[in-house]
Amino acid sequence: PGIRLQERYQYRLTNDLLLRESNTYGDPRYVDANGTDQAIQEVTRNLAAVLYGLQDDPIRRFAGPLSAEEVRAILEKHGA
């Protein structure tokens, strides 16, 4: 499934974005402070918002994790 998403959003869903998400939410300090479950929930919400954002705007690119406000706004827009 990940390969298909990268094909669909080629040049806009990059490995750099995925690496930054992983480094942010997988960082031991983040996990220790927030817990494993919270880290998984946050990265999942962030990636879902990025995918909705890519779907909404055909020219938008994402360089790293979105702010909590951006995530909330995008997910609310899509009823997620």
C-alpha atoms as a PDB file:
ATOM      1  CA  PRO A   1       0.000   0.000   0.000  1.00  0.00           C
ATOM      2  CA  GLY A   2       2.786   2.520   0.762  1.00  0.00           C
ATOM      3  CA  ILE A   3       4.268   2.133  -2.694  1.00  0.00           C
ATOM      4  CA  ARG A   4       0.923   2.962  -4.306  1.00  0.00           C
ATOM      5  CA  LEU A   5       0.571   6.110  -2.209  1.00  0.00           C
ATOM      6  CA  GLN A   6       4.050   7.218  -3.204  1.00  0.00           C
ATOM      7  CA  GLU A   7       3.210   6.571  -6.861  1.00  0.00           C
ATOM      8  CA  ARG A   8      -0.026   8.558  -6.583  1.00  0.00           C
ATOM      9  CA  TYR A   9       1.579  11.508  -4.789  1.00  0.00           C
ATOM     10  CA  GLN A  10       4.961  11.241  -6.477  1.00  0.00           C
ATOM     11  CA  TYR A  11       7.266  14.127  -5.553  1.00  0.00           C
ATOM     12  CA  ARG A  12       4.795  15.374  -2.922  1.00  0.00           C
ATOM     13  CA  LEU A  13       4.827  12.459  -0.458  1.00  0.00           C
ATOM     14  CA  THR A  14       8.521  12.014   0.034  1.00  0.00           C
ATOM     15  CA  ASN A  15      10.721   9.751   2.072  1.00  0.00           C
ATOM     16  CA  ASP A  16      12.047  12.910   3.732  1.00  0.00           C
ATOM     17  CA  LEU A  17       8.589  13.661   5.113  1.00  0.00           C
ATOM     18  CA  LEU A  18       8.198  10.111   6.378  1.00  0.00           C
ATOM     19  CA  LEU A  19      11.652  10.231   7.942  1.00  0.00           C
ATOM     20  CA  ARG A  20      10.859  13.526   9.701  1.00  0.00           C
ATOM     21  CA  GLU A  21       7.585  12.084  11.011  1.00  0.00           C
ATOM     22  CA  SER A  22       9.461   9.058  12.291  1.00  0.00           C
ATOM     23  CA  ASN A  23      12.167  11.191  13.881  1.00  0.00           C
ATOM     24  CA  THR A  24       9.596  13.420  15.578  1.00  0.00           C
ATOM     25  CA  TYR A  25       7.151  10.862  16.926  1.00  0.00           C
ATOM     26  CA  GLY A  26       9.596   7.985  17.267  1.00  0.00           C
ATOM     27  CA  ASP A  27      12.201   9.968  19.171  1.00  0.00           C
ATOM     28  CA  PRO A  28      12.785   8.252  22.530  1.00  0.00           C
ATOM     29  CA  ARG A  29      12.331  11.567  24.359  1.00  0.00           C
ATOM     30  CA  TYR A  30       8.938  12.085  22.719  1.00  0.00           C
ATOM     31  CA  VAL A  31       7.856   8.515  23.433  1.00  0.00           C
ATOM     32  CA  ASP A  32       9.079   8.681  27.034  1.00  0.00           C
ATOM     33  CA  ALA A  33       7.265  11.957  27.627  1.00  0.00           C
ATOM     34  CA  ASN A  34       4.009  11.014  25.869  1.00  0.00           C
ATOM     35  CA  GLY A  35       3.868   7.223  25.848  1.00  0.00           C
ATOM     36  CA  THR A  36       3.942   4.772  22.977  1.00  0.00           C
ATOM     37  CA  ASP A  37       0.188   4.830  22.362  1.00  0.00           C
ATOM     38  CA  GLN A  38       0.092   8.632  22.168  1.00  0.00           C
ATOM     39  CA  ALA A  39       3.082   8.717  19.819  1.00  0.00           C
ATOM     40  CA  ILE A  40       1.402   6.200  17.504  1.00  0.00           C
ATOM     41  CA  GLN A  41      -1.885   8.123  17.585  1.00  0.00           C
ATOM     42  CA  GLU A  42      -0.173  11.436  16.838  1.00  0.00           C
ATOM     43  CA  VAL A  43       1.880  10.164  13.906  1.00  0.00           C
ATOM     44  CA  THR A  44      -1.187   8.418  12.480  1.00  0.00           C
ATOM     45  CA  ARG A  45      -3.308  11.573  12.752  1.00  0.00           C
ATOM     46  CA  ASN A  46      -0.507  13.634  11.221  1.00  0.00           C
ATOM     47  CA  LEU A  47      -0.030  11.293   8.271  1.00  0.00           C
ATOM     48  CA  ALA A  48      -3.795  11.079   7.694  1.00  0.00           C
ATOM     49  CA  ALA A  49      -3.946  14.881   7.618  1.00  0.00           C
ATOM     50  CA  VAL A  50      -1.039  14.988   5.163  1.00  0.00           C
ATOM     51  CA  LEU A  51      -2.797  12.527   2.851  1.00  0.00           C
ATOM     52  CA  TYR A  52      -6.026  14.537   2.997  1.00  0.00           C
ATOM     53  CA  GLY A  53      -4.003  17.693   2.379  1.00  0.00           C
ATOM     54  CA  LEU A  54      -2.385  16.163  -0.689  1.00  0.00           C
ATOM     55  CA  GLN A  55      -5.795  15.123  -1.956  1.00  0.00           C
ATOM     56  CA  ASP A  56      -7.234  18.615  -1.385  1.00  0.00           C
ATOM     57  CA  ASP A  57      -4.468  20.601  -3.037  1.00  0.00           C
ATOM     58  CA  PRO A  58      -2.765  19.137  -6.121  1.00  0.00           C
ATOM     59  CA  ILE A  59       0.308  21.358  -5.785  1.00  0.00           C
ATOM     60  CA  ARG A  60       0.862  21.396  -2.018  1.00  0.00           C
ATOM     61  CA  ARG A  61       3.925  19.698  -0.582  1.00  0.00           C
ATOM     62  CA  PHE A  62       4.661  18.811   3.014  1.00  0.00           C
ATOM     63  CA  ALA A  63       8.186  19.077   4.359  1.00  0.00           C
ATOM     64  CA  GLY A  64       7.565  17.808   7.871  1.00  0.00           C
ATOM     65  CA  PRO A  65       4.984  17.147  10.553  1.00  0.00           C
ATOM     66  CA  LEU A  66       2.013  19.497  10.635  1.00  0.00           C
ATOM     67  CA  SER A  67       1.112  21.607  13.626  1.00  0.00           C
ATOM     68  CA  ALA A  68      -1.645  20.314  15.905  1.00  0.00           C
ATOM     69  CA  GLU A  69      -3.914  23.089  14.609  1.00  0.00           C
ATOM     70  CA  GLU A  70      -3.338  22.118  10.978  1.00  0.00           C
ATOM     71  CA  VAL A  71      -4.009  18.459  11.746  1.00  0.00           C
ATOM     72  CA  ARG A  72      -7.218  19.278  13.590  1.00  0.00           C
ATOM     73  CA  ALA A  73      -8.481  21.586  10.827  1.00  0.00           C
ATOM     74  CA  ILE A  74      -7.768  19.123   8.006  1.00  0.00           C
ATOM     75  CA  LEU A  75      -9.235  16.139   9.834  1.00  0.00           C
ATOM     76  CA  GLU A  76     -12.354  18.100  10.863  1.00  0.00           C
ATOM     77  CA  LYS A  77     -12.836  19.203   7.253  1.00  0.00           C
ATOM     78  CA  HIS A  78     -12.931  15.550   6.237  1.00  0.00           C
ATOM     79  CA  GLY A  79     -14.964  14.313   9.182  1.00  0.00           C
ATOM     80  CA  ALA A  80     -12.134  12.175  10.450  1.00  0.00           C
END
